[in-house]
C-alpha atoms as a PDB file:
ATOM      1  CA  MET A   1      90.880  27.129  65.540  1.00  0.00           C
ATOM      2  CA  PRO A   2      93.681  29.148  64.981  1.00  0.00           C
ATOM      3  CA  GLU A   3      95.272  28.248  61.752  1.00  0.00           C
ATOM      4  CA  GLU A   4      99.507  29.112  60.724  1.00  0.00           C
ATOM      5  CA  TYR A   5     101.900  29.480  58.164  1.00  0.00           C
ATOM      6  CA  VAL A   6     105.777  29.808  58.626  1.00  0.00           C
ATOM      7  CA  ALA A   7     107.581  31.771  55.979  1.00  0.00           C
ATOM      8  CA  THR A   8     111.102  31.099  55.740  1.00  0.00           C
ATOM      9  CA  ASP A   9     113.704  33.261  54.065  1.00  0.00           C
ATOM     10  CA  LYS A  10     115.839  30.744  51.926  1.00  0.00           C
ATOM     11  CA  ARG A  11     119.461  33.156  52.132  1.00  0.00           C
ATOM     12  CA  THR A  12     118.993  33.754  55.787  1.00  0.00           C
ATOM     13  CA  GLY A  13     116.471  31.101  57.299  1.00  0.00           C
ATOM     14  CA  LEU A  14     114.648  34.059  59.185  1.00  0.00           C
ATOM     15  CA  GLU A  15     111.140  32.333  59.660  1.00  0.00           C
ATOM     16  CA  VAL A  16     107.772  34.627  60.215  1.00  0.00           C
ATOM     17  CA  THR A  17     105.321  32.479  61.828  1.00  0.00           C
ATOM     18  CA  VAL A  18     101.596  33.949  61.216  1.00  0.00           C
ATOM     19  CA  ARG A  19      98.691  32.426  63.107  1.00  0.00           C
ATOM     20  CA  ALA A  20      95.348  33.074  62.678  1.00  0.00           C
ATOM     21  CA  GLU A  21      91.995  31.700  61.381  1.00  0.00           C
ATOM     22  CA  PHE A  22      92.002  31.927  57.583  1.00  0.00           C
ATOM     23  CA  PRO A  23      89.971  32.523  55.331  1.00  0.00           C
ATOM     24  CA  ASP A  24      88.757  29.141  53.333  1.00  0.00           C
ATOM     25  CA  ASP A  25      88.556  31.388  50.064  1.00  0.00           C
ATOM     26  CA  PRO A  26      91.993  29.563  48.299  1.00  0.00           C
ATOM     27  CA  GLN A  27      93.214  33.156  46.587  1.00  0.00           C
ATOM     28  CA  ASP A  28      92.784  34.449  50.681  1.00  0.00           C
ATOM     29  CA  ARG A  29      95.720  31.868  51.859  1.00  0.00           C
ATOM     30  CA  ILE A  30      97.893  32.724  48.583  1.00  0.00           C
ATOM     31  CA  ARG A  31      98.485  36.001  48.909  1.00  0.00           C
ATOM     32  CA  ILE A  32      98.576  35.013  52.853  1.00  0.00           C
ATOM     33  CA  ALA A  33     101.397  33.426  52.028  1.00  0.00           C
ATOM     34  CA  ARG A  34     102.624  35.552  49.371  1.00  0.00           C
ATOM     35  CA  THR A  35     102.246  38.323  51.780  1.00  0.00           C
ATOM     36  CA  SER A  36     103.664  36.471  54.291  1.00  0.00           C
ATOM     37  CA  ASN A  37     107.195  35.332  52.248  1.00  0.00           C
ATOM     38  CA  LEU A  38     107.777  39.287  50.871  1.00  0.00           C
ATOM     39  CA  PHE A  39     107.514  39.986  54.573  1.00  0.00           C
ATOM     40  CA  ALA A  40     109.708  37.450  55.751  1.00  0.00           C
ATOM     41  CA  ARG A  41     112.209  38.000  52.875  1.00  0.00           C
ATOM     42  CA  LEU A  42     112.270  41.803  53.727  1.00  0.00           C
ATOM     43  CA  MET A  43     113.429  41.532  57.221  1.00  0.00           C
ATOM     44  CA  SER A  44     115.906  39.648  56.214  1.00  0.00           C
ATOM     45  CA  THR A  45     117.590  41.638  53.525  1.00  0.00           C
ATOM     46  CA  ILE A  46     116.735  44.735  56.348  1.00  0.00           C
ATOM     47  CA  LEU A  47     118.773  42.783  59.763  1.00  0.00           C
ATOM     48  CA  THR A  48     121.897  41.865  56.714  1.00  0.00           C
ATOM     49  CA  MET A  49     122.335  45.819  56.552  1.00  0.00           C
ATOM     50  CA  ALA A  50     124.873  48.194  58.398  1.00  0.00           C
ATOM     51  CA  GLU A  51     123.283  49.277  61.434  1.00  0.00           C
ATOM     52  CA  ARG A  52     123.333  52.950  60.486  1.00  0.00           C
ATOM     53  CA  GLU A  53     120.869  51.229  56.626  1.00  0.00           C
ATOM     54  CA  ARG A  54     119.384  49.138  58.942  1.00  0.00           C
ATOM     55  CA  ARG A  55     117.912  51.520  61.311  1.00  0.00           C
ATOM     56  CA  ASP A  56     117.202  54.004  58.084  1.00  0.00           C
ATOM     57  CA  ALA A  57     115.791  51.151  56.205  1.00  0.00           C
ATOM     58  CA  PHE A  58     113.018  49.713  59.722  1.00  0.00           C
ATOM     59  CA  VAL A  59     111.794  53.241  60.147  1.00  0.00           C
ATOM     60  CA  ALA A  60     110.469  53.593  55.644  1.00  0.00           C
ATOM     61  CA  VAL A  61     109.322  50.345  55.976  1.00  0.00           C
ATOM     62  CA  GLU A  62     107.340  51.152  59.221  1.00  0.00           C
ATOM     63  CA  THR A  63     106.140  54.305  57.912  1.00  0.00           C
ATOM     64  CA  GLN A  64     105.251  52.348  53.960  1.00  0.00           C
ATOM     65  CA  MET A  65     103.388  49.930  56.510  1.00  0.00           C
ATOM     66  CA  GLU A  66     100.986  52.527  58.451  1.00  0.00           C
ATOM     67  CA  LEU A  67     100.258  54.319  55.321  1.00  0.00           C
ATOM     68  CA  ALA A  68      98.947  50.708  52.926  1.00  0.00           C
ATOM     69  CA  GLU A  69      96.962  50.357  56.781  1.00  0.00           C
ATOM     70  CA  ALA A  70      95.651  53.966  56.198  1.00  0.00           C
ATOM     71  CA  LEU A  71      95.125  53.290  52.284  1.00  0.00           C
ATOM     72  CA  ILE A  72      93.377  49.620  53.119  1.00  0.00           C
ATOM     73  CA  ARG A  73      90.988  51.866  56.242  1.00  0.00           C
ATOM     74  CA  ARG A  74      90.337  54.310  54.061  1.00  0.00           C
ATOM     75  CA  ASP A  75      90.801  56.516  56.452  1.00  0.00           C
ATOM     76  CA  SER A  76      91.963  59.902  54.058  1.00  0.00           C
ATOM     77  CA  GLU A  77      92.942  62.632  57.407  1.00  0.00           C
ATOM     78  CA  ASP A  78      95.350  59.276  57.741  1.00  0.00           C
ATOM     79  CA  VAL A  79      96.468  59.276  54.344  1.00  0.00           C
ATOM     80  CA  GLN A  80      97.612  62.838  54.430  1.00  0.00           C
ATOM     81  CA  ARG A  81      99.196  63.087  57.765  1.00  0.00           C
ATOM     82  CA  LEU A  82     101.222  60.091  56.729  1.00  0.00           C
ATOM     83  CA  LEU A  83     102.019  61.440  53.485  1.00  0.00           C
ATOM     84  CA  GLN A  84     102.926  64.756  54.614  1.00  0.00           C
ATOM     85  CA  GLU A  85     104.780  62.805  57.216  1.00  0.00           C
ATOM     86  CA  THR A  86     107.181  60.899  55.141  1.00  0.00           C
ATOM     87  CA  LEU A  87     107.457  64.219  52.665  1.00  0.00           C
ATOM     88  CA  ARG A  88     109.106  65.771  55.622  1.00  0.00           C
ATOM     89  CA  LYS A  89     111.319  63.509  56.684  1.00  0.00           C
ATOM     90  CA  LEU A  90     112.426  63.214  53.254  1.00  0.00           C
ATOM     91  CA  GLY A  91     113.484  66.887  53.379  1.00  0.00           C
ATOM     92  CA  MET A  92     110.335  68.823  51.757  1.00  0.00           C
ATOM     93  CA  THR A  93     109.456  72.098  52.787  1.00  0.00           C
ATOM     94  CA  PRO A  94     105.296  72.907  53.468  1.00  0.00           C
ATOM     95  CA  GLU A  95     106.394  75.524  50.234  1.00  0.00           C
ATOM     96  CA  GLN A  96     107.167  72.428  47.971  1.00  0.00           C
ATOM     97  CA  MET A  97     104.574  70.497  49.305  1.00  0.00           C
ATOM     98  CA  LYS A  98     101.867  73.501  48.350  1.00  0.00           C
ATOM     99  CA  GLU A  99     103.010  73.532  44.616  1.00  0.00           C
ATOM    100  CA  LEU A 100     103.776  69.547  44.586  1.00  0.00           C
ATOM    101  CA  GLU A 101      99.734  69.765  45.253  1.00  0.00           C
ATOM    102  CA  GLU A 102      99.355  71.932  42.875  1.00  0.00           C
ATOM    103  CA  GLU A 103     101.088  70.324  40.337  1.00  0.00           C
ATOM    104  CA  ILE A 104      99.652  67.055  40.620  1.00  0.00           C
ATOM    105  CA  ARG A 105      95.787  69.119  40.088  1.00  0.00           C
ATOM    106  CA  ARG A 106      97.250  70.510  36.842  1.00  0.00           C
ATOM    107  CA  ARG A 107      98.316  67.041  35.226  1.00  0.00           C
ATOM    108  CA  LEU A 108      94.786  65.677  36.882  1.00  0.00           C
ATOM    109  CA  ARG A 109      92.884  68.688  34.852  1.00  0.00           C
ATOM    110  CA  ASP A 110      94.815  68.597  31.842  1.00  0.00           C
ATOM    111  CA  LEU A 111      93.873  64.747  31.778  1.00  0.00           C
ATOM    112  CA  GLY A 112      90.162  66.044  32.365  1.00  0.00           C
ATOM    113  CA  GLY A 113      89.584  64.427  34.467  1.00  0.00           C
ATOM    114  CA  PRO A 114      88.011  66.203  37.912  1.00  0.00           C
ATOM    115  CA  ALA A 115      90.599  68.783  40.206  1.00  0.00           C
ATOM    116  CA  PRO A 116      90.244  66.648  43.860  1.00  0.00           C
ATOM    117  CA  GLU A 117      89.272  69.559  45.769  1.00  0.00           C
ATOM    118  CA  PRO A 118      91.354  71.055  48.129  1.00  0.00           C
END
């Protein structure tokens, strides 16, 4: 039987309900509660913004959540695509992205670690 956790933002009263078969581990349950509370606070903050800022904030959060989900799945192709998409949205050209990639590789080598292959 599904369980339910309701996170409420104290400032606005916005509620987010999570319903699922929760794991028994208490640490997992704490993480479910913390993540739900953070999401409720985040949504509440976004909803108090002016229209244009609100739309930009939703896009930013959606992109970061997609990236987090791809990282958790360990889907490197999707991670790379989402990072490139984010950088493009920030106005970075492909040339700037290439320069950034080369700089990261150089710094990793300088730290003594192997630089990831392109």
